[in-house]
């Protein structure tokens, strides 16, 4: 009985790491989208005040930080799969915490870049692809974290 309780406790560490991976990524996505959304609202207000057309494309900058939630989910699933196969739970917990934090932070940074892009796009009406590329560089960090964190678990 005590062995079963200990095994469940150790497995709980894996589940904690999995939960942290998705939750930290989702928090970062929410904050990043929120930051970009606030900037878009301000940019649209400026456009309306100047009697200019408000660029609908700012929606892309608001939504781009959401992809990191998917990366967090992929890390979560990899951790849970590795736990079922008997991988060491403390390591899985730490991996979930580190990967989730890194993915969440990059999502927040992507939202900040999106906020700047909203302001610039609304003011000039130019540079959409350039702004997407800048946000894509930040996205690459999340992709690296996801791939390198899940690779040892495969």
Foldseek 3Di string as FASTA:
>chain_A
DVVVVVLVVFLVLLLLLLVLLLVLLVLLLVLLLVLLVVLLVVLQVVCVVVVHDRDPVLVCLSNVLVVLSVLSNLLSVLSNVLVVVPDGRNVSNVLSNVLSNLNSVLSNVSSVLSSVVSNVCSVPVDDPVVSVVVSVVSVVSNVVSSCVSNVVSD
